[in-house]
Amino acid sequence: MADSTPSDTIRTEKTDRLMLRDEFDPGRALQIGLVQEVVPAGRQIERALEIARRIARNALIGLRAMKEAALKYIQAGEATAVAAIPSIHAAVMETGDAKEGIRSFIERRESASIYELRSV
């Protein structure tokens, strides 16, 4: 049997805990990557909305491209996801949103999303 990496061990622990419905504290959930952040009780909805608002400020074409790349990674693995980067990048960089993003960065201002409904 091949040696397992710490990443493999954590992935196995996450799967086992979810399938067995084991209870664990927020600190352990954070440590093994089931959650990205732990907030005080009662503040979770407020924090989730803060994160959602930050995400919503991004150009939709970029979010779609990021989601596509993440799904490729999940479904087909790292090599497939990496191989898809050039075509995803080319499709995104041809959009008005990409051009506006570069202009707003150079001009040091908020980007005004144009969102072109293009398949990435």
PDB file of N, CA and C in Angstrom:
ATOM      1  N   MET A   1       0.850  -1.183   0.000  1.00  0.00           N
ATOM      2  CA  MET A   1       0.000   0.000   0.000  1.00  0.00           C
ATOM      3  C   MET A   1       0.885   1.232   0.000  1.00  0.00           C
ATOM      4  N   ALA A   2       0.539   2.222  -0.814  1.00  0.00           N
ATOM      5  CA  ALA A   2       1.328   3.444  -0.917  1.00  0.00           C
ATOM      6  C   ALA A   2       1.221   4.247   0.375  1.00  0.00           C
ATOM      7  N   ASP A   3       2.276   5.014   0.634  1.00  0.00           N
ATOM      8  CA  ASP A   3       2.256   5.883   1.802  1.00  0.00           C
ATOM      9  C   ASP A   3       1.195   6.953   1.619  1.00  0.00           C
ATOM     10  N   SER A   4       0.484   7.254   2.679  1.00  0.00           N
ATOM     11  CA  SER A   4      -0.523   8.305   2.575  1.00  0.00           C
ATOM     12  C   SER A   4       0.075   9.632   3.031  1.00  0.00           C
ATOM     13  N   THR A   5      -0.435  10.680   2.455  1.00  0.00           N
ATOM     14  CA  THR A   5       0.020  12.019   2.804  1.00  0.00           C
ATOM     15  C   THR A   5      -0.912  12.588   3.870  1.00  0.00           C
ATOM     16  N   PRO A   6      -0.486  13.663   4.544  1.00  0.00           N
ATOM     17  CA  PRO A   6      -1.390  14.303   5.512  1.00  0.00           C
ATOM     18  C   PRO A   6      -2.706  14.715   4.858  1.00  0.00           C
ATOM     19  N   SER A   7      -2.642  15.148   3.598  1.00  0.00           N
ATOM     20  CA  SER A   7      -3.852  15.542   2.870  1.00  0.00           C
ATOM     21  C   SER A   7      -4.786  14.343   2.709  1.00  0.00           C
ATOM     22  N   ASP A   8      -4.229  13.164   2.385  1.00  0.00           N
ATOM     23  CA  ASP A   8      -5.046  11.956   2.249  1.00  0.00           C
ATOM     24  C   ASP A   8      -5.695  11.596   3.579  1.00  0.00           C
ATOM     25  N   THR A   9      -4.943  11.735   4.656  1.00  0.00           N
ATOM     26  CA  THR A   9      -5.456  11.406   5.984  1.00  0.00           C
ATOM     27  C   THR A   9      -6.614  12.317   6.355  1.00  0.00           C
ATOM     28  N   ILE A  10      -6.473  13.613   6.087  1.00  0.00           N
ATOM     29  CA  ILE A  10      -7.547  14.561   6.400  1.00  0.00           C
ATOM     30  C   ILE A  10      -8.759  14.288   5.523  1.00  0.00           C
ATOM     31  N   ARG A  11      -8.547  14.015   4.228  1.00  0.00           N
ATOM     32  CA  ARG A  11      -9.669  13.721   3.326  1.00  0.00           C
ATOM     33  C   ARG A  11     -10.429  12.491   3.827  1.00  0.00           C
ATOM     34  N   THR A  12      -9.715  11.468   4.264  1.00  0.00           N
ATOM     35  CA  THR A  12     -10.347  10.259   4.782  1.00  0.00           C
ATOM     36  C   THR A  12     -11.114  10.567   6.061  1.00  0.00           C
ATOM     37  N   GLU A  13     -10.513  11.369   6.929  1.00  0.00           N
ATOM     38  CA  GLU A  13     -11.198  11.722   8.176  1.00  0.00           C
ATOM     39  C   GLU A  13     -12.477  12.504   7.903  1.00  0.00           C
ATOM     40  N   LYS A  14     -12.426  13.446   6.960  1.00  0.00           N
ATOM     41  CA  LYS A  14     -13.632  14.211   6.623  1.00  0.00           C
ATOM     42  C   LYS A  14     -14.734  13.268   6.148  1.00  0.00           C
ATOM     43  N   THR A  15     -14.389  12.378   5.241  1.00  0.00           N
ATOM     44  CA  THR A  15     -15.365  11.445   4.686  1.00  0.00           C
ATOM     45  C   THR A  15     -15.937  10.554   5.781  1.00  0.00           C
ATOM     46  N   ASP A  16     -15.048   9.990   6.602  1.00  0.00           N
ATOM     47  CA  ASP A  16     -15.504   9.113   7.684  1.00  0.00           C
ATOM     48  C   ASP A  16     -16.435   9.839   8.638  1.00  0.00           C
ATOM     49  N   ARG A  17     -16.046  11.019   9.057  1.00  0.00           N
ATOM     50  CA  ARG A  17     -16.868  11.771  10.017  1.00  0.00           C
ATOM     51  C   ARG A  17     -18.237  12.112   9.427  1.00  0.00           C
ATOM     52  N   LEU A  18     -18.286  12.477   8.157  1.00  0.00           N
ATOM     53  CA  LEU A  18     -19.566  12.803   7.535  1.00  0.00           C
ATOM     54  C   LEU A  18     -20.432  11.561   7.374  1.00  0.00           C
ATOM     55  N   MET A  19     -19.845  10.467   6.903  1.00  0.00           N
ATOM     56  CA  MET A  19     -20.621   9.241   6.679  1.00  0.00           C
ATOM     57  C   MET A  19     -21.103   8.636   7.994  1.00  0.00           C
ATOM     58  N   LEU A  20     -20.280   8.727   9.015  1.00  0.00           N
ATOM     59  CA  LEU A  20     -20.652   8.156  10.309  1.00  0.00           C
ATOM     60  C   LEU A  20     -21.457   9.129  11.163  1.00  0.00           C
ATOM     61  N   ARG A  21     -21.608  10.371  10.654  1.00  0.00           N
ATOM     62  CA  ARG A  21     -22.325  11.414  11.361  1.00  0.00           C
ATOM     63  C   ARG A  21     -21.736  11.671  12.743  1.00  0.00           C
ATOM     64  N   ASP A  22     -20.411  11.578  12.832  1.00  0.00           N
ATOM     65  CA  ASP A  22     -19.719  11.867  14.085  1.00  0.00           C
ATOM     66  C   ASP A  22     -19.815  13.348  14.406  1.00  0.00           C
ATOM     67  N   GLU A  23     -19.884  13.638  15.675  1.00  0.00           N
ATOM     68  CA  GLU A  23     -19.865  15.027  16.107  1.00  0.00           C
ATOM     69  C   GLU A  23     -18.431  15.449  16.373  1.00  0.00           C
ATOM     70  N   PHE A  24     -18.133  16.709  16.106  1.00  0.00           N
ATOM     71  CA  PHE A  24     -16.828  17.270  16.411  1.00  0.00           C
ATOM     72  C   PHE A  24     -16.982  18.760  16.580  1.00  0.00           C
ATOM     73  N   ASP A  25     -16.032  19.373  17.241  1.00  0.00           N
ATOM     74  CA  ASP A  25     -16.174  20.795  17.544  1.00  0.00           C
ATOM     75  C   ASP A  25     -15.762  21.662  16.352  1.00  0.00           C
ATOM     76  N   PRO A  26     -16.135  22.938  16.386  1.00  0.00           N
ATOM     77  CA  PRO A  26     -15.815  23.834  15.267  1.00  0.00           C
ATOM     78  C   PRO A  26     -14.323  23.928  14.974  1.00  0.00           C
ATOM     79  N   GLY A  27     -13.506  23.878  16.005  1.00  0.00           N
ATOM     80  CA  GLY A  27     -12.054  23.944  15.804  1.00  0.00           C
ATOM     81  C   GLY A  27     -11.546  22.786  14.957  1.00  0.00           C
ATOM     82  N   ARG A  28     -12.060  21.585  15.212  1.00  0.00           N
ATOM     83  CA  ARG A  28     -11.643  20.415  14.425  1.00  0.00           C
ATOM     84  C   ARG A  28     -12.197  20.506  13.007  1.00  0.00           C
ATOM     85  N   ALA A  29     -13.421  21.000  12.854  1.00  0.00           N
ATOM     86  CA  ALA A  29     -13.992  21.178  11.513  1.00  0.00           C
ATOM     87  C   ALA A  29     -13.125  22.128  10.694  1.00  0.00           C
ATOM     88  N   LEU A  30     -12.641  23.177  11.327  1.00  0.00           N
ATOM     89  CA  LEU A  30     -11.748  24.126  10.659  1.00  0.00           C
ATOM     90  C   LEU A  30     -10.416  23.459  10.323  1.00  0.00           C
ATOM     91  N   GLN A  31      -9.885  22.715  11.267  1.00  0.00           N
ATOM     92  CA  GLN A  31      -8.585  22.062  11.091  1.00  0.00           C
ATOM     93  C   GLN A  31      -8.576  21.068   9.935  1.00  0.00           C
ATOM     94  N   ILE A  32      -9.660  20.330   9.750  1.00  0.00           N
ATOM     95  CA  ILE A  32      -9.681  19.330   8.679  1.00  0.00           C
ATOM     96  C   ILE A  32     -10.311  19.850   7.385  1.00  0.00           C
ATOM     97  N   GLY A  33     -10.676  21.131   7.375  1.00  0.00           N
ATOM     98  CA  GLY A  33     -11.137  21.746   6.138  1.00  0.00           C
ATOM     99  C   GLY A  33     -12.606  21.584   5.805  1.00  0.00           C
ATOM    100  N   LEU A  34     -13.416  21.190   6.764  1.00  0.00           N
ATOM    101  CA  LEU A  34     -14.852  21.116   6.500  1.00  0.00           C
ATOM    102  C   LEU A  34     -15.474  22.504   6.451  1.00  0.00           C
ATOM    103  N   VAL A  35     -14.878  23.440   7.159  1.00  0.00           N
ATOM    104  CA  VAL A  35     -15.322  24.834   7.140  1.00  0.00           C
ATOM    105  C   VAL A  35     -14.092  25.706   6.901  1.00  0.00           C
ATOM    106  N   GLN A  36     -14.324  26.900   6.380  1.00  0.00           N
ATOM    107  CA  GLN A  36     -13.216  27.807   6.116  1.00  0.00           C
ATOM    108  C   GLN A  36     -13.021  28.816   7.228  1.00  0.00           C
ATOM    109  N   GLU A  37     -14.017  28.961   8.067  1.00  0.00           N
ATOM    110  CA  GLU A  37     -13.971  29.976   9.102  1.00  0.00           C
ATOM    111  C   GLU A  37     -14.931  29.591  10.220  1.00  0.00           C
ATOM    112  N   VAL A  38     -14.572  29.935  11.446  1.00  0.00           N
ATOM    113  CA  VAL A  38     -15.447  29.723  12.595  1.00  0.00           C
ATOM    114  C   VAL A  38     -15.750  31.096  13.176  1.00  0.00           C
ATOM    115  N   VAL A  39     -17.029  31.358  13.395  1.00  0.00           N
ATOM    116  CA  VAL A  39     -17.452  32.644  13.962  1.00  0.00           C
ATOM    117  C   VAL A  39     -18.217  32.385  15.256  1.00  0.00           C
ATOM    118  N   PRO A  40     -18.322  33.396  16.095  1.00  0.00           N
ATOM    119  CA  PRO A  40     -19.085  33.224  17.341  1.00  0.00           C
ATOM    120  C   PRO A  40     -20.535  32.840  17.056  1.00  0.00           C
ATOM    121  N   ALA A  41     -21.107  32.054  17.937  1.00  0.00           N
ATOM    122  CA  ALA A  41     -22.503  31.622  17.788  1.00  0.00           C
ATOM    123  C   ALA A  41     -23.396  32.844  17.633  1.00  0.00           C
ATOM    124  N   GLY A  42     -24.341  32.740  16.716  1.00  0.00           N
ATOM    125  CA  GLY A  42     -25.274  33.824  16.470  1.00  0.00           C
ATOM    126  C   GLY A  42     -24.811  34.811  15.408  1.00  0.00           C
ATOM    127  N   ARG A  43     -23.558  34.721  14.994  1.00  0.00           N
ATOM    128  CA  ARG A  43     -23.032  35.648  13.993  1.00  0.00           C
ATOM    129  C   ARG A  43     -22.891  34.998  12.614  1.00  0.00           C
ATOM    130  N   GLN A  44     -23.265  33.725  12.481  1.00  0.00           N
ATOM    131  CA  GLN A  44     -23.027  32.983  11.246  1.00  0.00           C
ATOM    132  C   GLN A  44     -23.778  33.546  10.046  1.00  0.00           C
ATOM    133  N   ILE A  45     -25.011  33.977  10.219  1.00  0.00           N
ATOM    134  CA  ILE A  45     -25.774  34.511   9.084  1.00  0.00           C
ATOM    135  C   ILE A  45     -25.188  35.848   8.651  1.00  0.00           C
ATOM    136  N   GLU A  46     -24.880  36.700   9.611  1.00  0.00           N
ATOM    137  CA  GLU A  46     -24.262  37.990   9.295  1.00  0.00           C
ATOM    138  C   GLU A  46     -22.954  37.790   8.526  1.00  0.00           C
ATOM    139  N   ARG A  47     -22.128  36.856   8.979  1.00  0.00           N
ATOM    140  CA  ARG A  47     -20.843  36.609   8.320  1.00  0.00           C
ATOM    141  C   ARG A  47     -21.049  36.014   6.927  1.00  0.00           C
ATOM    142  N   ALA A  48     -22.004  35.101   6.795  1.00  0.00           N
ATOM    143  CA  ALA A  48     -22.289  34.507   5.486  1.00  0.00           C
ATOM    144  C   ALA A  48     -22.728  35.578   4.494  1.00  0.00           C
ATOM    145  N   LEU A  49     -23.538  36.520   4.945  1.00  0.00           N
ATOM    146  CA  LEU A  49     -23.979  37.606   4.073  1.00  0.00           C
ATOM    147  C   LEU A  49     -22.818  38.529   3.704  1.00  0.00           C
ATOM    148  N   GLU A  50     -21.904  38.773   4.636  1.00  0.00           N
ATOM    149  CA  GLU A  50     -20.712  39.578   4.316  1.00  0.00           C
ATOM    150  C   GLU A  50     -19.910  38.918   3.196  1.00  0.00           C
ATOM    151  N   ILE A  51     -19.713  37.619   3.319  1.00  0.00           N
ATOM    152  CA  ILE A  51     -18.956  36.880   2.301  1.00  0.00           C
ATOM    153  C   ILE A  51     -19.704  36.895   0.974  1.00  0.00           C
ATOM    154  N   ALA A  52     -21.015  36.672   1.010  1.00  0.00           N
ATOM    155  CA  ALA A  52     -21.821  36.675  -0.219  1.00  0.00           C
ATOM    156  C   ALA A  52     -21.748  38.035  -0.916  1.00  0.00           C
ATOM    157  N   ARG A  53     -21.780  39.116  -0.143  1.00  0.00           N
ATOM    158  CA  ARG A  53     -21.686  40.458  -0.748  1.00  0.00           C
ATOM    159  C   ARG A  53     -20.335  40.668  -1.410  1.00  0.00           C
ATOM    160  N   ARG A  54     -19.273  40.185  -0.788  1.00  0.00           N
ATOM    161  CA  ARG A  54     -17.940  40.302  -1.398  1.00  0.00           C
ATOM    162  C   ARG A  54     -17.878  39.520  -2.700  1.00  0.00           C
ATOM    163  N   ILE A  55     -18.427  38.325  -2.692  1.00  0.00           N
ATOM    164  CA  ILE A  55     -18.434  37.506  -3.907  1.00  0.00           C
ATOM    165  C   ILE A  55     -19.245  38.196  -4.996  1.00  0.00           C
ATOM    166  N   ALA A  56     -20.393  38.761  -4.618  1.00  0.00           N
ATOM    167  CA  ALA A  56     -21.288  39.392  -5.596  1.00  0.00           C
ATOM    168  C   ALA A  56     -20.664  40.617  -6.256  1.00  0.00           C
ATOM    169  N   ARG A  57     -19.642  41.204  -5.644  1.00  0.00           N
ATOM    170  CA  ARG A  57     -18.978  42.364  -6.246  1.00  0.00           C
ATOM    171  C   ARG A  57     -18.039  41.966  -7.382  1.00  0.00           C
ATOM    172  N   ASN A  58     -17.754  40.693  -7.526  1.00  0.00           N
ATOM    173  CA  ASN A  58     -16.874  40.228  -8.588  1.00  0.00           C
ATOM    174  C   ASN A  58     -17.625  40.124  -9.905  1.00  0.00           C
ATOM    175  N   ALA A  59     -16.875  40.210 -10.985  1.00  0.00           N
ATOM    176  CA  ALA A  59     -17.471  40.051 -12.318  1.00  0.00           C
ATOM    177  C   ALA A  59     -18.020  38.636 -12.452  1.00  0.00           C
ATOM    178  N   LEU A  60     -19.241  38.529 -12.922  1.00  0.00           N
ATOM    179  CA  LEU A  60     -19.876  37.219 -13.054  1.00  0.00           C
ATOM    180  C   LEU A  60     -19.107  36.299 -13.994  1.00  0.00           C
ATOM    181  N   ILE A  61     -18.531  36.849 -15.048  1.00  0.00           N
ATOM    182  CA  ILE A  61     -17.782  36.001 -15.988  1.00  0.00           C
ATOM    183  C   ILE A  61     -16.582  35.343 -15.280  1.00  0.00           C
ATOM    184  N   GLY A  62     -15.948  36.079 -14.393  1.00  0.00           N
ATOM    185  CA  GLY A  62     -14.835  35.530 -13.626  1.00  0.00           C
ATOM    186  C   GLY A  62     -15.285  34.462 -12.645  1.00  0.00           C
ATOM    187  N   LEU A  63     -16.426  34.699 -12.005  1.00  0.00           N
ATOM    188  CA  LEU A  63     -16.970  33.709 -11.081  1.00  0.00           C
ATOM    189  C   LEU A  63     -17.355  32.430 -11.822  1.00  0.00           C
ATOM    190  N   ARG A  64     -17.960  32.593 -12.997  1.00  0.00           N
ATOM    191  CA  ARG A  64     -18.317  31.417 -13.805  1.00  0.00           C
ATOM    192  C   ARG A  64     -17.075  30.629 -14.195  1.00  0.00           C
ATOM    193  N   ALA A  65     -16.020  31.331 -14.590  1.00  0.00           N
ATOM    194  CA  ALA A  65     -14.778  30.665 -14.990  1.00  0.00           C
ATOM    195  C   ALA A  65     -14.149  29.931 -13.806  1.00  0.00           C
ATOM    196  N   MET A  66     -14.163  30.563 -12.642  1.00  0.00           N
ATOM    197  CA  MET A  66     -13.598  29.939 -11.445  1.00  0.00           C
ATOM    198  C   MET A  66     -14.384  28.682 -11.076  1.00  0.00           C
ATOM    199  N   LYS A  67     -15.710  28.777 -11.178  1.00  0.00           N
ATOM    200  CA  LYS A  67     -16.554  27.623 -10.876  1.00  0.00           C
ATOM    201  C   LYS A  67     -16.290  26.490 -11.868  1.00  0.00           C
ATOM    202  N   GLU A  68     -16.159  26.832 -13.151  1.00  0.00           N
ATOM    203  CA  GLU A  68     -15.874  25.815 -14.160  1.00  0.00           C
ATOM    204  C   GLU A  68     -14.557  25.102 -13.868  1.00  0.00           C
ATOM    205  N   ALA A  69     -13.532  25.878 -13.529  1.00  0.00           N
ATOM    206  CA  ALA A  69     -12.219  25.287 -13.226  1.00  0.00           C
ATOM    207  C   ALA A  69     -12.298  24.396 -11.982  1.00  0.00           C
ATOM    208  N   ALA A  70     -13.019  24.850 -10.965  1.00  0.00           N
ATOM    209  CA  ALA A  70     -13.154  24.056  -9.735  1.00  0.00           C
ATOM    210  C   ALA A  70     -13.890  22.747 -10.015  1.00  0.00           C
ATOM    211  N   LEU A  71     -14.942  22.809 -10.825  1.00  0.00           N
ATOM    212  CA  LEU A  71     -15.678  21.589 -11.157  1.00  0.00           C
ATOM    213  C   LEU A  71     -14.820  20.626 -11.972  1.00  0.00           C
ATOM    214  N   LYS A  72     -14.014  21.153 -12.879  1.00  0.00           N
ATOM    215  CA  LYS A  72     -13.110  20.286 -13.641  1.00  0.00           C
ATOM    216  C   LYS A  72     -12.150  19.573 -12.693  1.00  0.00           C
ATOM    217  N   TYR A  73     -11.650  20.310 -11.714  1.00  0.00           N
ATOM    218  CA  TYR A  73     -10.723  19.725 -10.740  1.00  0.00           C
ATOM    219  C   TYR A  73     -11.424  18.616  -9.949  1.00  0.00           C
ATOM    220  N   ILE A  74     -12.622  18.893  -9.477  1.00  0.00           N
ATOM    221  CA  ILE A  74     -13.363  17.909  -8.678  1.00  0.00           C
ATOM    222  C   ILE A  74     -13.725  16.681  -9.510  1.00  0.00           C
ATOM    223  N   GLN A  75     -14.203  16.904 -10.731  1.00  0.00           N
ATOM    224  CA  GLN A  75     -14.701  15.810 -11.551  1.00  0.00           C
ATOM    225  C   GLN A  75     -13.604  15.019 -12.249  1.00  0.00           C
ATOM    226  N   ALA A  76     -12.539  15.694 -12.675  1.00  0.00           N
ATOM    227  CA  ALA A  76     -11.560  15.003 -13.516  1.00  0.00           C
ATOM    228  C   ALA A  76     -10.132  15.067 -12.990  1.00  0.00           C
ATOM    229  N   GLY A  77      -9.903  15.809 -11.921  1.00  0.00           N
ATOM    230  CA  GLY A  77      -8.577  15.843 -11.338  1.00  0.00           C
ATOM    231  C   GLY A  77      -7.758  17.058 -11.741  1.00  0.00           C
ATOM    232  N   GLU A  78      -6.639  17.183 -11.080  1.00  0.00           N
ATOM    233  CA  GLU A  78      -5.784  18.361 -11.240  1.00  0.00           C
ATOM    234  C   GLU A  78      -5.258  18.524 -12.660  1.00  0.00           C
ATOM    235  N   ALA A  79      -4.791  17.456 -13.277  1.00  0.00           N
ATOM    236  CA  ALA A  79      -4.203  17.568 -14.616  1.00  0.00           C
ATOM    237  C   ALA A  79      -5.218  18.121 -15.618  1.00  0.00           C
ATOM    238  N   THR A  80      -6.452  17.646 -15.556  1.00  0.00           N
ATOM    239  CA  THR A  80      -7.495  18.133 -16.467  1.00  0.00           C
ATOM    240  C   THR A  80      -7.812  19.599 -16.197  1.00  0.00           C
ATOM    241  N   ALA A  81      -7.891  19.961 -14.922  1.00  0.00           N
ATOM    242  CA  ALA A  81      -8.184  21.347 -14.567  1.00  0.00           C
ATOM    243  C   ALA A  81      -7.066  22.272 -15.041  1.00  0.00           C
ATOM    244  N   VAL A  82      -5.831  21.869 -14.844  1.00  0.00           N
ATOM    245  CA  VAL A  82      -4.691  22.686 -15.286  1.00  0.00           C
ATOM    246  C   VAL A  82      -4.684  22.796 -16.813  1.00  0.00           C
ATOM    247  N   ALA A  83      -4.986  21.709 -17.502  1.00  0.00           N
ATOM    248  CA  ALA A  83      -5.009  21.734 -18.965  1.00  0.00           C
ATOM    249  C   ALA A  83      -6.101  22.661 -19.501  1.00  0.00           C
ATOM    250  N   ALA A  84      -7.156  22.872 -18.740  1.00  0.00           N
ATOM    251  CA  ALA A  84      -8.262  23.721 -19.184  1.00  0.00           C
ATOM    252  C   ALA A  84      -7.991  25.208 -18.966  1.00  0.00           C
ATOM    253  N   ILE A  85      -6.991  25.539 -18.182  1.00  0.00           N
ATOM    254  CA  ILE A  85      -6.721  26.949 -17.844  1.00  0.00           C
ATOM    255  C   ILE A  85      -6.537  27.825 -19.082  1.00  0.00           C
ATOM    256  N   PRO A  86      -5.735  27.447 -20.066  1.00  0.00           N
ATOM    257  CA  PRO A  86      -5.558  28.344 -21.217  1.00  0.00           C
ATOM    258  C   PRO A  86      -6.858  28.687 -21.942  1.00  0.00           C
ATOM    259  N   SER A  87      -7.739  27.711 -22.151  1.00  0.00           N
ATOM    260  CA  SER A  87      -8.985  28.013 -22.864  1.00  0.00           C
ATOM    261  C   SER A  87      -9.924  28.855 -22.007  1.00  0.00           C
ATOM    262  N   ILE A  88      -9.986  28.579 -20.713  1.00  0.00           N
ATOM    263  CA  ILE A  88     -10.823  29.392 -19.818  1.00  0.00           C
ATOM    264  C   ILE A  88     -10.279  30.813 -19.774  1.00  0.00           C
ATOM    265  N   HIS A  89      -8.969  30.949 -19.628  1.00  0.00           N
ATOM    266  CA  HIS A  89      -8.323  32.269 -19.568  1.00  0.00           C
ATOM    267  C   HIS A  89      -8.591  33.060 -20.845  1.00  0.00           C
ATOM    268  N   ALA A  90      -8.436  32.424 -21.986  1.00  0.00           N
ATOM    269  CA  ALA A  90      -8.648  33.110 -23.265  1.00  0.00           C
ATOM    270  C   ALA A  90     -10.090  33.604 -23.385  1.00  0.00           C
ATOM    271  N   ALA A  91     -11.040  32.758 -23.006  1.00  0.00           N
ATOM    272  CA  ALA A  91     -12.448  33.147 -23.094  1.00  0.00           C
ATOM    273  C   ALA A  91     -12.761  34.328 -22.177  1.00  0.00           C
ATOM    274  N   VAL A  92     -12.229  34.306 -20.986  1.00  0.00           N
ATOM    275  CA  VAL A  92     -12.481  35.388 -20.031  1.00  0.00           C
ATOM    276  C   VAL A  92     -11.810  36.681 -20.480  1.00  0.00           C
ATOM    277  N   MET A  93     -10.571  36.583 -20.942  1.00  0.00           N
ATOM    278  CA  MET A  93      -9.814  37.792 -21.285  1.00  0.00           C
ATOM    279  C   MET A  93     -10.366  38.510 -22.514  1.00  0.00           C
ATOM    280  N   GLU A  94     -11.222  37.860 -23.293  1.00  0.00           N
ATOM    281  CA  GLU A  94     -11.837  38.498 -24.458  1.00  0.00           C
ATOM    282  C   GLU A  94     -13.064  39.317 -24.090  1.00  0.00           C
ATOM    283  N   THR A  95     -13.502  39.246 -22.845  1.00  0.00           N
ATOM    284  CA  THR A  95     -14.738  39.922 -22.448  1.00  0.00           C
ATOM    285  C   THR A  95     -14.503  41.371 -22.044  1.00  0.00           C
ATOM    286  N   GLY A  96     -15.573  42.125 -22.112  1.00  0.00           N
ATOM    287  CA  GLY A  96     -15.531  43.502 -21.646  1.00  0.00           C
ATOM    288  C   GLY A  96     -15.259  43.589 -20.166  1.00  0.00           C
ATOM    289  N   ASP A  97     -15.738  42.595 -19.401  1.00  0.00           N
ATOM    290  CA  ASP A  97     -15.477  42.582 -17.960  1.00  0.00           C
ATOM    291  C   ASP A  97     -13.985  42.514 -17.668  1.00  0.00           C
ATOM    292  N   ALA A  98     -13.267  41.688 -18.418  1.00  0.00           N
ATOM    293  CA  ALA A  98     -11.822  41.578 -18.206  1.00  0.00           C
ATOM    294  C   ALA A  98     -11.136  42.895 -18.521  1.00  0.00           C
ATOM    295  N   LYS A  99     -11.519  43.491 -19.622  1.00  0.00           N
ATOM    296  CA  LYS A  99     -10.916  44.777 -20.007  1.00  0.00           C
ATOM    297  C   LYS A  99     -11.232  45.854 -18.973  1.00  0.00           C
ATOM    298  N   GLU A 100     -12.474  45.881 -18.491  1.00  0.00           N
ATOM    299  CA  GLU A 100     -12.866  46.840 -17.462  1.00  0.00           C
ATOM    300  C   GLU A 100     -12.101  46.578 -16.168  1.00  0.00           C
ATOM    301  N   GLY A 101     -11.914  45.310 -15.826  1.00  0.00           N
ATOM    302  CA  GLY A 101     -11.163  44.969 -14.619  1.00  0.00           C
ATOM    303  C   GLY A 101      -9.738  45.481 -14.671  1.00  0.00           C
ATOM    304  N   ILE A 102      -9.093  45.327 -15.817  1.00  0.00           N
ATOM    305  CA  ILE A 102      -7.718  45.819 -15.988  1.00  0.00           C
ATOM    306  C   ILE A 102      -7.691  47.340 -15.920  1.00  0.00           C
ATOM    307  N   ARG A 103      -8.636  47.993 -16.605  1.00  0.00           N
ATOM    308  CA  ARG A 103      -8.700  49.466 -16.566  1.00  0.00           C
ATOM    309  C   ARG A 103      -8.907  49.971 -15.143  1.00  0.00           C
ATOM    310  N   SER A 104      -9.847  49.363 -14.422  1.00  0.00           N
ATOM    311  CA  SER A 104     -10.134  49.827 -13.063  1.00  0.00           C
ATOM    312  C   SER A 104      -8.938  49.599 -12.144  1.00  0.00           C
ATOM    313  N   PHE A 105      -8.191  48.522 -12.363  1.00  0.00           N
ATOM    314  CA  PHE A 105      -6.990  48.277 -11.561  1.00  0.00           C
ATOM    315  C   PHE A 105      -5.954  49.365 -11.829  1.00  0.00           C
ATOM    316  N   ILE A 106      -5.726  49.662 -13.102  1.00  0.00           N
ATOM    317  CA  ILE A 106      -4.747  50.693 -13.474  1.00  0.00           C
ATOM    318  C   ILE A 106      -5.162  52.054 -12.926  1.00  0.00           C
ATOM    319  N   GLU A 107      -6.464  52.325 -13.003  1.00  0.00           N
ATOM    320  CA  GLU A 107      -6.981  53.615 -12.548  1.00  0.00           C
ATOM    321  C   GLU A 107      -7.260  53.640 -11.043  1.00  0.00           C
ATOM    322  N   ARG A 108      -7.026  52.531 -10.370  1.00  0.00           N
ATOM    323  CA  ARG A 108      -7.220  52.409  -8.923  1.00  0.00           C
ATOM    324  C   ARG A 108      -8.631  52.818  -8.485  1.00  0.00           C
ATOM    325  N   ARG A 109      -9.609  52.164  -9.109  1.00  0.00           N
ATOM    326  CA  ARG A 109     -11.008  52.432  -8.781  1.00  0.00           C
ATOM    327  C   ARG A 109     -11.771  51.113  -8.783  1.00  0.00           C
ATOM    328  N   GLU A 110     -13.005  51.161  -8.251  1.00  0.00           N
ATOM    329  CA  GLU A 110     -13.863  49.977  -8.270  1.00  0.00           C
ATOM    330  C   GLU A 110     -14.201  49.622  -9.715  1.00  0.00           C
ATOM    331  N   SER A 111     -14.264  48.352  -9.986  1.00  0.00           N
ATOM    332  CA  SER A 111     -14.625  47.896 -11.323  1.00  0.00           C
ATOM    333  C   SER A 111     -16.129  47.972 -11.515  1.00  0.00           C
ATOM    334  N   ALA A 112     -16.556  48.390 -12.684  1.00  0.00           N
ATOM    335  CA  ALA A 112     -17.971  48.397 -13.037  1.00  0.00           C
ATOM    336  C   ALA A 112     -18.216  47.170 -13.909  1.00  0.00           C
ATOM    337  N   SER A 113     -18.798  46.143 -13.341  1.00  0.00           N
ATOM    338  CA  SER A 113     -19.006  44.900 -14.067  1.00  0.00           C
ATOM    339  C   SER A 113     -19.932  45.111 -15.260  1.00  0.00           C
ATOM    340  N   ILE A 114     -19.519  44.577 -16.389  1.00  0.00           N
ATOM    341  CA  ILE A 114     -20.281  44.679 -17.627  1.00  0.00           C
ATOM    342  C   ILE A 114     -21.085  43.408 -17.832  1.00  0.00           C
ATOM    343  N   TYR A 115     -20.560  42.295 -17.464  1.00  0.00           N
ATOM    344  CA  TYR A 115     -21.096  40.959 -17.619  1.00  0.00           C
ATOM    345  C   TYR A 115     -21.641  40.681 -19.005  1.00  0.00           C
ATOM    346  N   GLU A 116     -20.835  39.989 -19.727  1.00  0.00           N
ATOM    347  CA  GLU A 116     -21.229  39.539 -21.059  1.00  0.00           C
ATOM    348  C   GLU A 116     -21.620  38.083 -20.943  1.00  0.00           C
ATOM    349  N   LEU A 117     -22.790  37.764 -21.403  1.00  0.00           N
ATOM    350  CA  LEU A 117     -23.294  36.404 -21.325  1.00  0.00           C
ATOM    351  C   LEU A 117     -22.621  35.572 -22.416  1.00  0.00           C
ATOM    352  N   ARG A 118     -21.460  35.070 -22.083  1.00  0.00           N
ATOM    353  CA  ARG A 118     -20.672  34.254 -22.994  1.00  0.00           C
ATOM    354  C   ARG A 118     -20.349  32.959 -22.309  1.00  0.00           C
ATOM    355  N   SER A 119     -20.344  31.918 -23.019  1.00  0.00           N
ATOM    356  CA  SER A 119     -19.959  30.645 -22.440  1.00  0.00           C
ATOM    357  C   SER A 119     -18.458  30.631 -22.251  1.00  0.00           C
ATOM    358  N   VAL A 120     -18.030  30.281 -21.070  1.00  0.00           N
ATOM    359  CA  VAL A 120     -16.584  30.222 -20.780  1.00  0.00           C
ATOM    360  C   VAL A 120     -16.099  28.836 -21.048  1.00  0.00           C
TER     361      VAL A 120
END
